[in-house]
Amino acid sequence: MKIYTKTGDKGKTGLFGGTRIPKHHIRIDSYGTVDELNAYIGLIKDQNIEKYFKENLYQIQHQLFTIGAELATDPAKAKLKNGKERLDIEKVQQKEIEFLEQEIDRMNEDLPEMTHFILPGGHTTVSYCHIARCVCRRAERLCTALYQEEPFDEFILQYLNRLSDYLFVLARMLSKSLKVEEIKWIPKKSS
């Protein structure tokens, strides 16, 4: 498979199904941001963190590729005439969302109660986690805008929403396991 095709040299790209759209289309922004998120999750996974978290992040990366594939598919051409799916890719389902919720709950059991907002930082790995959380929120915002124009499986929106929560709690958990203090945001009083 050639890396360059020269078919995008005039500012258009192809979706699964063959439709060509501008590279600045909200659909491209949506799955491009999901891809960016996946790269940041890979960066977190490559840090010196527990194997358990690495395995969870690996699973999440697979789900994000699945989401990207669905978002990169022309909805008008996603189904064949007989109603079957054109792509033989398992979609994100309720069980993946429940997995994130269970992991959030499990980590929260080991964390101190939050009494303040937390500023990103304290350790490079924790900061990477916060960057991924922010990129996840951006992906979610873009996907909700796309969803209004061209609806797709709602589980994608739910998954991205829950994933940003997971990444926030993971950042807190990594702060604890790396033995770094969380940086609390304490508003300054006006004089």
Protein backbone atom coordinates (compact mmCIF):
# COMPACT_ATOMS: atom_id res chain seq x y z
CA MET A 1 0.00 0.00 0.00
CA LYS A 2 1.45 3.36 -1.03
CA ILE A 3 1.56 6.05 1.65
CA TYR A 4 0.96 8.89 -0.80
CA THR A 5 -1.74 8.79 -3.46
CA LYS A 6 -1.71 12.42 -4.66
CA THR A 7 -5.53 12.34 -4.64
CA GLY A 8 -5.68 14.86 -1.79
CA ASP A 9 -3.46 17.46 -3.41
CA LYS A 10 -6.42 19.71 -4.25
CA GLY A 11 -7.83 19.85 -0.70
CA LYS A 12 -10.26 16.94 -0.84
CA THR A 13 -10.12 13.51 0.74
CA GLY A 14 -12.07 10.29 0.36
CA LEU A 15 -14.36 8.67 2.88
CA PHE A 16 -14.95 4.93 3.13
CA GLY A 17 -17.50 4.43 0.40
CA GLY A 18 -15.66 6.67 -2.08
CA THR A 19 -17.31 10.04 -1.47
CA ARG A 20 -14.84 12.94 -1.71
CA ILE A 21 -15.24 15.89 0.63
CA PRO A 22 -13.14 18.95 1.54
CA LYS A 23 -10.42 18.32 4.11
CA HIS A 24 -11.87 21.10 6.26
CA HIS A 25 -15.28 19.34 6.53
CA ILE A 26 -16.57 18.79 10.08
CA ARG A 27 -16.47 15.02 9.47
CA ILE A 28 -12.72 15.16 8.77
CA ASP A 29 -12.20 17.43 11.79
CA SER A 30 -14.12 14.94 13.93
CA TYR A 31 -12.24 11.78 13.06
CA GLY A 32 -8.96 13.68 12.76
CA THR A 33 -9.35 14.84 16.35
CA VAL A 34 -10.21 11.30 17.45
CA ASP A 35 -6.96 10.23 15.75
CA GLU A 36 -5.06 13.00 17.59
CA LEU A 37 -6.58 11.76 20.85
CA ASN A 38 -5.45 8.23 20.03
CA ALA A 39 -1.89 9.50 19.55
CA TYR A 40 -1.92 11.20 22.96
CA ILE A 41 -3.26 8.05 24.58
CA GLY A 42 -0.36 6.19 22.97
CA LEU A 43 1.98 8.74 24.56
CA ILE A 44 0.46 8.12 28.01
CA LYS A 45 0.67 4.37 27.46
CA ASP A 46 4.38 4.70 26.64
CA GLN A 47 5.11 6.28 30.03
CA ASN A 48 6.35 4.41 33.06
CA ILE A 49 2.89 3.49 34.41
CA GLU A 50 1.37 0.28 35.75
CA LYS A 51 0.78 -2.52 33.26
CA TYR A 52 -2.92 -2.54 34.18
CA PHE A 53 -3.35 1.05 32.95
CA LYS A 54 -1.32 0.33 29.81
CA GLU A 55 -3.64 -2.57 28.96
CA ASN A 56 -6.73 -0.39 29.50
CA LEU A 57 -5.27 2.35 27.32
CA TYR A 58 -4.51 -0.20 24.61
CA GLN A 59 -8.19 -1.25 24.66
CA ILE A 60 -9.24 2.39 24.46
CA GLN A 61 -6.98 2.94 21.45
CA HIS A 62 -8.76 0.10 19.65
CA GLN A 63 -12.15 1.65 20.43
CA LEU A 64 -10.96 5.01 19.11
CA PHE A 65 -9.88 3.38 15.84
CA THR A 66 -13.33 1.84 15.59
CA ILE A 67 -14.91 5.26 16.19
CA GLY A 68 -12.61 6.82 13.60
CA ALA A 69 -13.60 4.20 11.03
CA GLU A 70 -17.28 4.84 11.61
CA LEU A 71 -16.85 8.61 11.40
CA ALA A 72 -14.77 8.21 8.21
CA THR A 73 -17.59 6.31 6.49
CA ASP A 74 -20.03 8.10 4.23
CA PRO A 75 -23.37 7.53 6.01
CA ALA A 76 -25.21 7.41 2.69
CA LYS A 77 -23.00 4.54 1.54
CA ALA A 78 -22.54 2.77 4.87
CA LYS A 79 -25.17 0.15 4.11
CA LEU A 80 -25.48 -2.14 1.13
CA LYS A 81 -28.79 -2.46 -0.72
CA ASN A 82 -29.76 -5.50 1.37
CA GLY A 83 -29.44 -3.41 4.55
CA LYS A 84 -26.27 -5.04 5.82
CA GLU A 85 -23.30 -3.02 7.00
CA ARG A 86 -20.72 -2.30 4.33
CA LEU A 87 -17.86 -2.34 6.82
CA ASP A 88 -17.36 -5.43 8.92
CA ILE A 89 -16.15 -3.49 11.97
CA GLU A 90 -17.64 -3.99 15.40
CA LYS A 91 -19.11 -0.72 16.62
CA VAL A 92 -18.70 0.80 20.06
CA GLN A 93 -21.42 -0.60 22.28
CA GLN A 94 -22.85 -0.07 25.75
CA LYS A 95 -20.36 -2.56 27.22
CA GLU A 96 -17.41 -0.30 26.28
CA ILE A 97 -19.08 2.66 27.97
CA GLU A 98 -19.78 0.53 31.04
CA PHE A 99 -16.12 -0.54 31.07
CA LEU A 100 -15.06 3.12 31.34
CA GLU A 101 -17.62 3.75 34.09
CA GLN A 102 -16.44 0.73 36.08
CA GLU A 103 -12.81 1.84 35.76
CA ILE A 104 -13.71 5.38 36.85
CA ASP A 105 -15.54 4.00 39.90
CA ARG A 106 -12.69 1.60 40.73
CA MET A 107 -10.06 4.37 40.59
CA ASN A 108 -12.25 6.81 42.54
CA GLU A 109 -12.42 4.33 45.44
CA ASP A 110 -8.65 4.75 45.90
CA LEU A 111 -8.57 8.53 45.55
CA PRO A 112 -9.12 11.26 48.12
CA GLU A 113 -12.33 13.25 47.79
CA MET A 114 -12.01 16.27 45.52
CA THR A 115 -12.41 19.51 47.43
CA HIS A 116 -11.13 21.89 44.71
CA PHE A 117 -10.67 22.03 40.98
CA ILE A 118 -7.33 20.57 39.96
CA LEU A 119 -4.83 22.34 37.75
CA PRO A 120 -3.10 20.17 35.15
CA GLY A 121 0.51 19.40 36.02
CA GLY A 122 2.67 18.00 38.77
CA HIS A 123 4.31 15.39 36.55
CA THR A 124 4.83 15.00 32.80
CA THR A 125 2.73 11.82 32.64
CA VAL A 126 -0.14 13.50 34.50
CA SER A 127 0.09 16.48 32.13
CA TYR A 128 -0.11 14.17 29.11
CA CYS A 129 -3.27 12.73 30.61
CA HIS A 130 -4.80 16.19 30.96
CA ILE A 131 -3.85 17.06 27.37
CA ALA A 132 -5.57 13.87 26.20
CA ARG A 133 -8.64 14.82 28.26
CA CYS A 134 -8.79 18.23 26.57
CA VAL A 135 -8.37 16.71 23.10
CA CYS A 136 -11.13 14.22 23.98
CA ARG A 137 -13.46 17.10 24.90
CA ARG A 138 -12.65 18.80 21.58
CA ALA A 139 -13.37 15.56 19.72
CA GLU A 140 -16.67 15.33 21.56
CA ARG A 141 -17.60 18.93 20.64
CA LEU A 142 -16.77 18.34 16.98
CA CYS A 143 -18.66 15.05 16.92
CA THR A 144 -21.76 16.66 18.44
CA ALA A 145 -21.65 19.31 15.70
CA LEU A 146 -21.34 16.58 13.05
CA TYR A 147 -24.13 14.59 14.73
CA GLN A 148 -26.51 17.55 14.31
CA GLU A 149 -25.79 17.61 10.55
CA GLU A 150 -25.43 13.89 9.88
CA PRO A 151 -26.57 11.65 12.76
CA PHE A 152 -24.54 8.54 13.58
CA ASP A 153 -24.47 5.98 16.38
CA GLU A 154 -25.07 7.81 19.70
CA PHE A 155 -22.74 5.42 21.51
CA ILE A 156 -19.83 7.36 19.96
CA LEU A 157 -20.91 10.55 21.74
CA GLN A 158 -21.46 8.69 25.01
CA TYR A 159 -18.09 6.95 24.74
CA LEU A 160 -16.19 10.20 24.14
CA ASN A 161 -18.00 11.87 27.02
CA ARG A 162 -17.15 9.05 29.40
CA LEU A 163 -13.59 8.78 28.09
CA SER A 164 -12.84 12.39 29.04
CA ASP A 165 -14.07 11.62 32.57
CA TYR A 166 -11.91 8.48 32.60
CA LEU A 167 -8.84 10.49 31.55
CA PHE A 168 -9.45 13.04 34.31
CA VAL A 169 -9.69 10.34 36.96
CA LEU A 170 -6.70 8.51 35.45
CA ALA A 171 -4.68 11.74 35.78
CA ARG A 172 -5.61 11.84 39.47
CA MET A 173 -4.75 8.15 39.87
CA LEU A 174 -1.39 8.62 38.18
CA SER A 175 -0.65 11.57 40.48
CA LYS A 176 -1.23 9.23 43.40
CA SER A 177 0.81 6.32 42.02
CA LEU A 178 3.67 8.65 40.98
CA LYS A 179 3.52 10.24 44.45
CA VAL A 180 3.06 13.78 43.19
CA GLU A 181 0.81 16.32 44.80
CA GLU A 182 -2.30 17.42 42.93
CA ILE A 183 -2.23 21.13 42.23
CA LYS A 184 -5.43 22.62 43.61
CA TRP A 185 -6.94 25.67 42.00
CA ILE A 186 -7.70 28.12 44.78
CA PRO A 187 -9.18 31.34 43.43
CA LYS A 188 -7.52 34.51 44.65
CA LYS A 189 -9.80 36.85 46.50
CA SER A 190 -10.26 40.27 45.00
CA SER A 191 -8.93 43.10 47.06
